[in-house]
């Protein structure tokens, strides 16, 4: 069989992901695995329609397609995202219909599920026959047990194609509304006081719903707010995955384009950040993905601590919970405060007006109070994955992260809590005594609230 491997790494063949593909090829030499570099060659693919059509012709002649990619910021690389956009922009969807497909990723397991959800949903939208995913930790290939899993995954993939098995659809089609938002008059204004409000967008068209929502939101404030269009920035390209920034946060693009100065001078100095964009396939635009990917020069350490963040989205966000989770997770792992989302899904212009005003009020109020909502699993779980990785095998090459984590006291491992360790050893030994265990069971509920009961019931001073 002929299997097309769509390589999502900007490093081409010199990528961890491709080593997994090569291993599969070695184990199954009877199948042709044709690797096509997508992310590394996206500029040429985008510029030369003949090049794009050549890729489409290869897919047309294939028995199956494997989406193989490293994770970049909870999703695929921005260049991979751009290729997915080109499929619909150039009317090539029919080539993918009924093709068997699967996904293979490499990462440190930080939000690998959101990337796989995205690819699965894209495959469903293209009416492909999705056979599942394989999420490998970067160096799983070194372990015999993990290699066996990879072989079984590939074997199942090839067998399913050969036997023409039926596959389910896991995601509903996204239905866009034709609602036309018409903003009303702004009455009383919201005073941001000395707070710096920065709105980032990827649209310059005031006639779209997004453009009108941005204009309305800006007019809600009593003082002028800054609006920056990402398309106007000097961004030479996407993240290269070279991790040269890992040592001291110095990006290989430094001095070659304007992104770093923009991020340090505008984004990091704002008190209130409002990200605005229109949904494109199952995410925002690829220029937004480039923005997020390029911010990796700051490393895994949070660079937006304490900032207030809001989102204004044009499109059916409620139909894509995976996207909302990605955006919330990005804010939480930055130790910032996600104040809320406003979309144009409501079909009522006055309702959108009210929500935009409310978002402005809550952003200012949270900034005044210095409020950051306690993180959920999205923030806590993600931060712990980074903590363990930077303490362990990623300490080198991510020296800058290690130093930042020490300064921020991120290395809060539970084994450092010697008081709890001593108590646990003592209680575990005592619990072997039946009478003691019986008494503990009787008092368990009361003992659970005892440490916080006095605070909860104390009189306010």
Protein backbone atom coordinates (compact mmCIF):
# COMPACT_ATOMS: atom_id res chain seq x y z
CA UNK A 1 0.00 0.00 0.00
CA UNK A 2 0.98 3.62 -0.49
CA UNK A 3 0.70 5.79 2.61
CA UNK A 4 1.26 9.54 2.44
CA UNK A 5 2.95 10.97 5.54
CA UNK A 6 2.10 14.65 5.96
CA UNK A 7 5.07 15.88 7.97
CA UNK A 8 4.10 18.70 10.34
CA UNK A 9 7.59 19.46 11.66
CA UNK A 10 9.31 22.67 10.52
CA UNK A 11 12.58 20.74 10.89
CA UNK A 12 11.72 18.35 8.08
CA UNK A 13 13.38 14.97 8.46
CA UNK A 14 15.54 16.16 11.36
CA UNK A 15 12.62 15.83 13.76
CA UNK A 16 11.68 13.45 16.54
CA UNK A 17 8.36 12.71 14.86
CA UNK A 18 9.95 11.49 11.64
CA UNK A 19 12.08 9.00 13.55
CA UNK A 20 8.86 7.27 14.61
CA UNK A 21 7.76 7.22 10.98
CA UNK A 22 11.10 5.74 9.89
CA UNK A 23 10.74 3.05 12.55
CA UNK A 24 7.32 2.13 11.17
CA UNK A 25 8.78 1.99 7.68
CA UNK A 26 11.53 -0.35 8.83
CA UNK A 27 9.01 -2.67 10.50
CA UNK A 28 6.64 -2.72 7.52
CA UNK A 29 8.84 -2.62 4.38
CA UNK A 30 6.00 -4.06 2.29
CA UNK A 31 4.26 -0.67 2.40
CA UNK A 32 5.44 2.54 0.73
CA UNK A 33 5.60 5.42 3.18
CA UNK A 34 6.01 8.62 1.18
CA UNK A 35 6.92 11.58 3.39
CA UNK A 36 5.89 15.05 2.26
CA UNK A 37 7.35 17.97 4.22
CA UNK A 38 4.47 20.34 4.83
CA UNK A 39 5.57 22.71 7.60
CA UNK A 40 9.14 23.09 6.36
CA UNK A 41 8.01 23.95 2.81
CA UNK A 42 4.81 25.88 3.50
CA UNK A 43 6.04 29.12 1.88
CA UNK A 44 6.67 27.35 -1.43
CA UNK A 45 3.43 25.37 -1.15
CA UNK A 46 1.46 28.55 -0.49
CA UNK A 47 3.16 30.52 -3.26
CA UNK A 48 3.23 27.86 -5.98
CA UNK A 49 -0.15 26.31 -6.75
CA UNK A 50 1.61 23.69 -8.88
CA UNK A 51 3.51 22.53 -5.81
CA UNK A 52 0.28 22.35 -3.82
CA UNK A 53 -1.45 20.40 -6.60
CA UNK A 54 1.45 17.97 -6.68
CA UNK A 55 0.85 17.15 -3.02
CA UNK A 56 -2.87 16.76 -3.65
CA UNK A 57 -2.16 14.38 -6.53
CA UNK A 58 0.03 12.25 -4.27
CA UNK A 59 -2.78 12.07 -1.72
CA UNK A 60 -5.24 11.18 -4.46
CA UNK A 61 -3.12 8.17 -5.45
CA UNK A 62 -2.59 6.98 -1.86
CA UNK A 63 -4.37 4.25 0.10
CA UNK A 64 -4.06 6.16 3.36
CA UNK A 65 -2.85 9.38 4.96
CA UNK A 66 -0.91 9.73 8.22
CA UNK A 67 -0.90 13.16 9.85
CA UNK A 68 2.48 13.12 11.64
CA UNK A 69 3.42 16.16 13.70
CA UNK A 70 5.07 17.52 16.84
CA UNK A 71 2.92 19.59 19.18
CA UNK A 72 3.29 23.36 19.13
CA UNK A 73 1.30 25.39 21.66
CA UNK A 74 -1.49 22.87 22.31
CA UNK A 75 -2.02 22.26 18.60
CA UNK A 76 -0.10 21.66 15.39
CA UNK A 77 2.54 24.03 14.01
CA UNK A 78 1.26 27.23 12.40
CA UNK A 79 2.54 26.10 9.00
CA UNK A 80 0.61 22.84 9.27
CA UNK A 81 -2.46 24.88 10.19
CA UNK A 82 -1.90 27.01 7.08
CA UNK A 83 -1.80 23.90 4.88
CA UNK A 84 -5.14 22.79 6.32
CA UNK A 85 -6.54 26.22 5.44
CA UNK A 86 -5.22 25.90 1.88
CA UNK A 87 -7.15 22.66 1.40
CA UNK A 88 -10.45 24.50 1.63
CA UNK A 89 -9.25 27.77 0.09
CA UNK A 90 -8.18 25.90 -3.07
CA UNK A 91 -11.13 23.53 -3.19
CA UNK A 92 -9.20 20.30 -2.63
CA UNK A 93 -11.53 18.73 -0.06
CA UNK A 94 -12.84 16.05 -2.40
CA UNK A 95 -9.41 14.38 -2.64
CA UNK A 96 -9.49 13.57 1.07
CA UNK A 97 -13.04 12.18 1.10
CA UNK A 98 -13.20 8.50 2.12
CA UNK A 99 -9.40 8.25 2.52
CA UNK A 100 -8.32 6.22 5.54
CA UNK A 101 -6.31 8.32 7.96
CA UNK A 102 -4.73 8.45 11.42
CA UNK A 103 -2.58 10.80 13.48
CA UNK A 104 0.86 10.38 15.06
CA UNK A 105 2.30 13.03 17.37
CA UNK A 106 5.36 13.53 19.55
CA UNK A 107 5.43 15.80 22.59
CA UNK A 108 5.94 15.87 26.35
CA UNK A 109 2.20 15.08 26.64
CA UNK A 110 1.29 18.73 27.24
CA UNK A 111 -2.21 19.08 25.75
CA UNK A 112 -1.62 16.37 23.18
CA UNK A 113 -5.34 15.58 23.42
CA UNK A 114 -6.37 19.02 22.10
CA UNK A 115 -4.08 18.63 19.09
CA UNK A 116 -5.48 15.18 18.34
CA UNK A 117 -9.04 16.42 18.81
CA UNK A 118 -8.30 19.13 16.27
CA UNK A 119 -6.86 16.76 13.66
CA UNK A 120 -9.66 14.24 14.23
CA UNK A 121 -12.26 16.96 13.72
CA UNK A 122 -10.51 18.24 10.57
CA UNK A 123 -10.52 14.68 9.18
CA UNK A 124 -14.23 14.38 9.98
CA UNK A 125 -14.88 17.68 8.20
CA UNK A 126 -12.98 16.34 5.17
CA UNK A 127 -15.10 13.16 5.36
CA UNK A 128 -12.03 10.99 5.85
CA UNK A 129 -12.11 7.62 7.61
CA UNK A 130 -10.32 8.34 10.86
CA UNK A 131 -8.71 5.31 12.51
CA UNK A 132 -7.40 6.91 15.70
CA UNK A 133 -4.22 8.47 17.02
CA UNK A 134 -0.90 7.61 18.59
CA UNK A 135 0.58 10.13 21.02
CA UNK A 136 4.23 9.39 21.77
CA UNK A 137 6.39 11.01 24.39
CA UNK A 138 9.52 12.32 22.70
CA UNK A 139 11.79 9.45 23.66
CA UNK A 140 9.33 6.57 23.90
CA UNK A 141 11.13 4.98 20.95
CA UNK A 142 13.95 4.06 23.33
CA UNK A 143 11.65 1.75 25.31
CA UNK A 144 10.85 -1.75 24.00
CA UNK A 145 7.35 -1.63 25.47
CA UNK A 146 6.58 1.64 23.69
CA UNK A 147 8.05 0.40 20.42
CA UNK A 148 5.71 -2.55 20.59
CA UNK A 149 2.75 -0.20 21.03
CA UNK A 150 3.84 1.76 17.96
CA UNK A 151 4.12 -1.42 15.90
CA UNK A 152 0.63 -2.52 16.99
CA UNK A 153 -0.77 0.93 16.11
CA UNK A 154 0.76 0.83 12.63
CA UNK A 155 -0.32 -2.78 12.13
CA UNK A 156 -3.90 -1.89 13.06
CA UNK A 157 -3.79 1.10 10.69
CA UNK A 158 -2.62 -0.96 7.72
CA UNK A 159 -5.02 -3.80 8.49
CA UNK A 160 -8.02 -1.47 8.71
CA UNK A 161 -7.24 -0.05 5.27
CA UNK A 162 -6.77 -3.48 3.74
CA UNK A 163 -10.04 -4.75 5.22
CA UNK A 164 -11.98 -1.59 4.44
CA UNK A 165 -13.45 -1.39 7.95
CA UNK A 166 -16.18 1.15 8.78
CA UNK A 167 -15.22 4.14 10.96
CA UNK A 168 -17.30 6.47 13.13
CA UNK A 169 -17.46 10.25 13.00
CA UNK A 170 -16.45 11.76 16.34
CA UNK A 171 -17.24 15.45 15.75
CA UNK A 172 -20.35 17.19 14.48
CA UNK A 173 -19.97 19.52 11.48
CA UNK A 174 -19.54 23.18 12.42
CA UNK A 175 -22.49 25.30 11.33
CA UNK A 176 -21.81 29.01 10.81
CA UNK A 177 -24.52 31.61 11.26
CA UNK A 178 -25.34 34.35 8.76
CA UNK A 179 -26.13 36.77 11.60
CA UNK A 180 -25.12 40.34 10.80
CA UNK A 181 -24.04 42.22 13.92
CA UNK A 182 -25.10 45.88 13.95
CA UNK A 183 -23.74 47.73 17.00
CA UNK A 184 -25.88 50.20 18.88
CA UNK A 185 -25.11 53.50 20.58
CA UNK A 186 -22.61 53.49 23.45
CA UNK A 187 -24.06 55.33 26.42
CA UNK A 188 -21.97 55.55 29.62
CA UNK A 189 -18.29 54.81 29.18
CA UNK A 190 -16.03 52.45 31.14
CA UNK A 191 -13.03 54.22 32.68
CA UNK A 192 -9.87 52.07 32.45
CA UNK A 193 -8.06 54.65 34.58
CA UNK A 194 -4.33 54.12 34.21
CA UNK A 195 -4.70 50.60 32.87
CA UNK A 196 -3.15 49.94 29.47
CA UNK A 197 -5.63 48.10 27.23
CA UNK A 198 -4.28 46.28 24.17
CA UNK A 199 -6.51 44.64 21.57
CA UNK A 200 -4.89 42.17 19.17
CA UNK A 201 -6.68 41.12 16.01
CA UNK A 202 -6.14 39.53 12.62
CA UNK A 203 -8.74 41.57 10.76
CA UNK A 204 -8.62 45.04 9.27
CA UNK A 205 -12.12 44.89 7.81
CA UNK A 206 -14.53 47.05 9.83
CA UNK A 207 -17.46 45.63 7.83
CA UNK A 208 -17.20 42.15 9.33
CA UNK A 209 -18.85 41.11 12.58
CA UNK A 210 -15.41 40.89 14.17
CA UNK A 211 -14.42 44.35 12.96
CA UNK A 212 -17.67 45.82 14.30
CA UNK A 213 -17.30 44.07 17.65
CA UNK A 214 -13.76 45.43 18.02
CA UNK A 215 -14.92 48.95 17.17
CA UNK A 216 -17.84 48.72 19.60
CA UNK A 217 -15.66 47.31 22.37
CA UNK A 218 -13.07 50.07 21.84
CA UNK A 219 -15.75 52.78 22.02
CA UNK A 220 -16.98 51.42 25.37
CA UNK A 221 -13.84 52.77 27.06
CA UNK A 222 -13.59 56.44 28.01
CA UNK A 223 -9.91 56.54 27.03
CA UNK A 224 -8.42 55.45 23.69
CA UNK A 225 -7.28 51.82 23.56
CA UNK A 226 -4.62 50.43 21.25
CA UNK A 227 -5.62 48.01 18.50
CA UNK A 228 -2.87 46.11 16.67
CA UNK A 229 -3.47 43.97 13.59
CA UNK A 230 -1.18 40.92 13.54
CA UNK A 231 -1.04 41.16 9.74
CA UNK A 232 0.70 44.53 10.08
CA UNK A 233 3.53 43.11 12.18
CA UNK A 234 6.93 42.33 10.71
CA UNK A 235 6.90 38.54 11.19
CA UNK A 236 9.32 36.78 8.87
CA UNK A 237 8.12 33.25 9.67
CA UNK A 238 6.88 30.75 12.20
CA UNK A 239 8.75 29.08 15.04
CA UNK A 240 11.58 26.93 13.65
CA UNK A 241 11.66 24.48 16.54
CA UNK A 242 15.41 25.07 16.89
CA UNK A 243 15.13 25.73 20.69
CA UNK A 244 18.08 28.14 20.54
CA UNK A 245 15.96 30.32 22.83
CA UNK A 246 16.18 27.64 25.54
CA UNK A 247 19.50 28.89 26.90
CA UNK A 248 18.75 32.59 27.47
CA UNK A 249 15.43 33.35 25.70
CA UNK A 250 17.25 34.77 22.67
CA UNK A 251 15.32 33.85 19.52
CA UNK A 252 17.03 33.01 16.23
CA UNK A 253 14.82 35.69 14.65
CA UNK A 254 16.17 38.40 16.96
CA UNK A 255 17.12 41.46 14.90
CA UNK A 256 15.58 39.90 11.78
CA UNK A 257 11.93 40.84 12.30
CA UNK A 258 9.74 42.84 14.65
CA UNK A 259 7.97 40.13 16.64
CA UNK A 260 10.21 40.08 19.72
CA UNK A 261 10.19 43.86 20.18
CA UNK A 262 6.43 43.83 19.69
CA UNK A 263 5.88 41.09 22.28
CA UNK A 264 8.22 42.61 24.85
CA UNK A 265 7.23 46.21 24.23
CA UNK A 266 3.49 45.89 23.71
CA UNK A 267 2.10 42.58 24.95
CA UNK A 268 4.14 42.23 28.13
CA UNK A 269 3.60 45.87 29.12
CA UNK A 270 -0.21 45.80 28.79
CA UNK A 271 -2.45 45.42 31.83
CA UNK A 272 -5.43 44.16 29.85
CA UNK A 273 -5.12 41.96 26.77
CA UNK A 274 -8.03 41.25 24.45
CA UNK A 275 -7.49 38.61 21.77
CA UNK A 276 -9.92 38.87 18.87
CA UNK A 277 -10.29 36.61 15.86
CA UNK A 278 -12.64 34.75 13.57
CA UNK A 279 -12.92 30.97 13.66
CA UNK A 280 -11.23 29.34 10.68
CA UNK A 281 -11.89 25.60 10.40
CA UNK A 282 -11.62 24.43 14.05
CA UNK A 283 -9.28 27.12 15.39
CA UNK A 284 -8.49 30.76 14.73
CA UNK A 285 -6.41 31.79 11.71
CA UNK A 286 -2.89 30.52 11.00
CA UNK A 287 -1.55 34.04 11.65
CA UNK A 288 -2.88 33.72 15.19
CA UNK A 289 -1.17 30.35 15.47
CA UNK A 290 2.07 31.97 14.29
CA UNK A 291 1.68 34.61 17.02
CA UNK A 292 1.30 31.97 19.72
CA UNK A 293 4.08 29.75 18.34
CA UNK A 294 6.55 32.60 18.14
CA UNK A 295 5.93 33.55 21.78
CA UNK A 296 7.83 30.36 22.62
CA UNK A 297 11.02 32.45 22.74
CA UNK A 298 9.94 33.21 26.33
CA UNK A 299 10.19 29.49 27.04
CA UNK A 300 7.89 27.46 29.26
CA UNK A 301 7.98 30.10 32.00
CA UNK A 302 4.88 32.32 32.26
CA UNK A 303 5.41 35.74 30.70
CA UNK A 304 1.94 37.24 31.28
CA UNK A 305 1.63 36.77 35.05
CA UNK A 306 -1.30 38.67 36.57
CA UNK A 307 -2.62 40.09 33.31
CA UNK A 308 -6.33 40.30 32.56
CA UNK A 309 -7.31 38.52 29.36
CA UNK A 310 -10.53 38.57 27.35
CA UNK A 311 -11.55 37.00 24.03
CA UNK A 312 -13.82 38.38 21.31
CA UNK A 313 -14.55 35.65 18.78
CA UNK A 314 -16.54 35.72 15.57
CA UNK A 315 -17.92 32.28 14.82
CA UNK A 316 -19.51 29.24 16.48
CA UNK A 317 -17.23 28.90 19.51
CA UNK A 318 -19.88 26.98 21.47
CA UNK A 319 -19.73 24.25 18.83
CA UNK A 320 -15.96 23.85 19.31
CA UNK A 321 -15.30 23.25 23.03
CA UNK A 322 -11.81 22.03 22.14
CA UNK A 323 -10.89 25.54 20.97
CA UNK A 324 -12.25 27.16 24.12
CA UNK A 325 -10.25 24.72 26.24
CA UNK A 326 -7.08 25.56 24.31
CA UNK A 327 -7.54 29.29 24.85
CA UNK A 328 -8.40 28.92 28.54
CA UNK A 329 -5.42 26.62 29.07
CA UNK A 330 -3.06 29.10 27.42
CA UNK A 331 -4.19 31.82 29.81
CA UNK A 332 -4.08 29.63 32.92
CA UNK A 333 -0.60 28.27 32.24
CA UNK A 334 0.53 31.89 31.85
CA UNK A 335 -0.74 32.57 35.42
CA UNK A 336 -3.03 35.20 33.95
CA UNK A 337 -6.77 35.71 34.48
CA UNK A 338 -9.25 34.63 31.81
CA UNK A 339 -12.08 37.11 32.35
CA UNK A 340 -14.41 35.85 29.62
CA UNK A 341 -15.47 35.31 26.02
CA UNK A 342 -17.83 37.27 23.80
CA UNK A 343 -18.97 35.85 20.46
CA UNK A 344 -21.45 36.84 17.76
CA UNK A 345 -23.37 33.56 18.14
CA UNK A 346 -26.38 35.11 19.87
CA UNK A 347 -28.19 36.47 16.83
CA UNK A 348 -29.08 39.62 18.76
CA UNK A 349 -27.04 42.79 18.33
CA UNK A 350 -28.20 44.38 21.59
CA UNK A 351 -27.19 41.23 23.49
CA UNK A 352 -23.72 41.38 21.95
CA UNK A 353 -23.49 45.07 22.87
CA UNK A 354 -24.30 44.24 26.48
CA UNK A 355 -21.78 41.42 26.63
CA UNK A 356 -19.02 43.59 25.18
CA UNK A 357 -19.68 46.27 27.77
CA UNK A 358 -19.79 43.70 30.56
CA UNK A 359 -16.46 42.24 29.42
CA UNK A 360 -14.87 45.70 29.51
CA UNK A 361 -16.22 46.36 33.02
CA UNK A 362 -15.05 43.01 34.37
CA UNK A 363 -11.59 43.36 32.82
CA UNK A 364 -11.09 46.74 34.52
CA UNK A 365 -12.56 45.56 37.82
CA UNK A 366 -10.31 42.49 37.90
CA UNK A 367 -7.30 44.64 37.04
CA UNK A 368 -8.16 47.08 39.84
CA UNK A 369 -8.44 44.22 42.33
CA UNK A 370 -5.42 42.34 41.02
CA UNK A 371 -7.63 39.27 40.75
CA UNK A 372 -6.47 36.05 39.12
CA UNK A 373 -8.93 33.17 39.26
CA UNK A 374 -7.59 29.95 40.84
CA UNK A 375 -6.45 27.62 38.06
CA UNK A 376 -8.40 24.50 37.20
CA UNK A 377 -6.85 21.24 36.00
CA UNK A 378 -6.08 23.08 32.74
CA UNK A 379 -3.53 25.24 34.53
CA UNK A 380 -2.46 23.00 37.40
CA UNK A 381 -1.99 19.86 35.32
CA UNK A 382 -0.17 21.68 32.53
CA UNK A 383 2.13 23.50 34.93
CA UNK A 384 3.10 20.28 36.69
CA UNK A 385 4.03 18.65 33.39
CA UNK A 386 6.34 21.58 32.64
CA UNK A 387 7.70 21.55 36.20
CA UNK A 388 8.70 17.89 36.03
CA UNK A 389 10.12 18.16 32.50
CA UNK A 390 12.26 21.22 33.26
CA UNK A 391 13.51 19.69 36.51
CA UNK A 392 14.34 16.48 34.66
CA UNK A 393 15.53 15.75 31.15
CA UNK A 394 14.69 19.19 29.69
CA UNK A 395 16.78 21.13 32.21
CA UNK A 396 19.26 21.21 29.39
CA UNK A 397 18.67 22.71 26.86
CA UNK A 398 16.01 24.85 28.61
CA UNK A 399 18.39 26.56 31.02
CA UNK A 400 16.38 29.80 30.97
CA UNK A 401 13.25 27.96 32.08
CA UNK A 402 15.13 26.22 34.88
CA UNK A 403 16.42 29.53 36.27
CA UNK A 404 12.98 31.14 35.95
CA UNK A 405 11.29 28.20 37.67
CA UNK A 406 13.73 28.41 40.57
CA UNK A 407 13.02 32.12 40.94
CA UNK A 408 9.24 31.55 40.79
CA UNK A 409 9.49 28.57 43.19
CA UNK A 410 7.81 26.30 40.68
CA UNK A 411 9.72 23.25 41.88
CA UNK A 412 7.19 22.56 44.66
CA UNK A 413 7.51 18.79 44.68
CA UNK A 414 5.37 17.07 47.34
CA UNK A 415 8.33 15.03 48.58
CA UNK A 416 9.79 18.26 49.92
CA UNK A 417 6.91 18.49 52.40
CA UNK A 418 8.68 16.62 55.22
CA UNK A 419 5.94 17.31 57.76
CA UNK A 420 3.36 15.56 55.59
CA UNK A 421 5.73 12.71 54.86
CA UNK A 422 6.30 12.09 58.58
CA UNK A 423 2.58 12.28 59.32
CA UNK A 424 1.77 9.87 56.50
CA UNK A 425 4.33 7.30 57.66
CA UNK A 426 3.01 7.49 61.23
CA UNK A 427 -0.66 7.23 60.23
CA UNK A 428 -0.05 4.38 57.79
CA UNK A 429 1.66 2.37 60.53
CA UNK A 430 -1.11 3.11 63.05
CA UNK A 431 -3.81 2.23 60.51
CA UNK A 432 -2.66 -1.38 60.68
CA UNK A 433 -4.24 -1.51 64.16
CA UNK A 434 -7.96 -2.40 63.72
CA UNK A 435 -9.19 -0.29 66.65
CA UNK A 436 -7.28 2.76 65.42
CA UNK A 437 -8.57 2.32 61.87
CA UNK A 438 -12.15 2.04 63.18
CA UNK A 439 -11.77 5.24 65.16
CA UNK A 440 -10.32 7.06 62.13
CA UNK A 441 -13.27 5.99 59.99
CA UNK A 442 -15.69 7.42 62.57
CA UNK A 443 -13.91 10.78 62.70
CA UNK A 444 -12.83 11.10 59.06
CA UNK A 445 -15.43 13.65 57.90
CA UNK A 446 -14.88 15.90 60.88
CA UNK A 447 -11.10 15.68 60.61
CA UNK A 448 -11.21 16.64 56.93
CA UNK A 449 -12.75 20.03 57.70
CA UNK A 450 -10.88 20.63 60.96
CA UNK A 451 -7.89 22.51 59.45
CA UNK A 452 -10.13 25.10 57.76
CA UNK A 453 -13.13 25.14 60.10
CA UNK A 454 -11.87 27.94 62.34
CA UNK A 455 -11.18 30.21 59.36
CA UNK A 456 -14.57 29.50 57.79
CA UNK A 457 -16.45 30.29 61.04
CA UNK A 458 -14.34 33.12 62.36
CA UNK A 459 -16.06 36.45 62.91
CA UNK A 460 -15.13 39.14 60.44
CA UNK A 461 -13.01 41.85 62.00
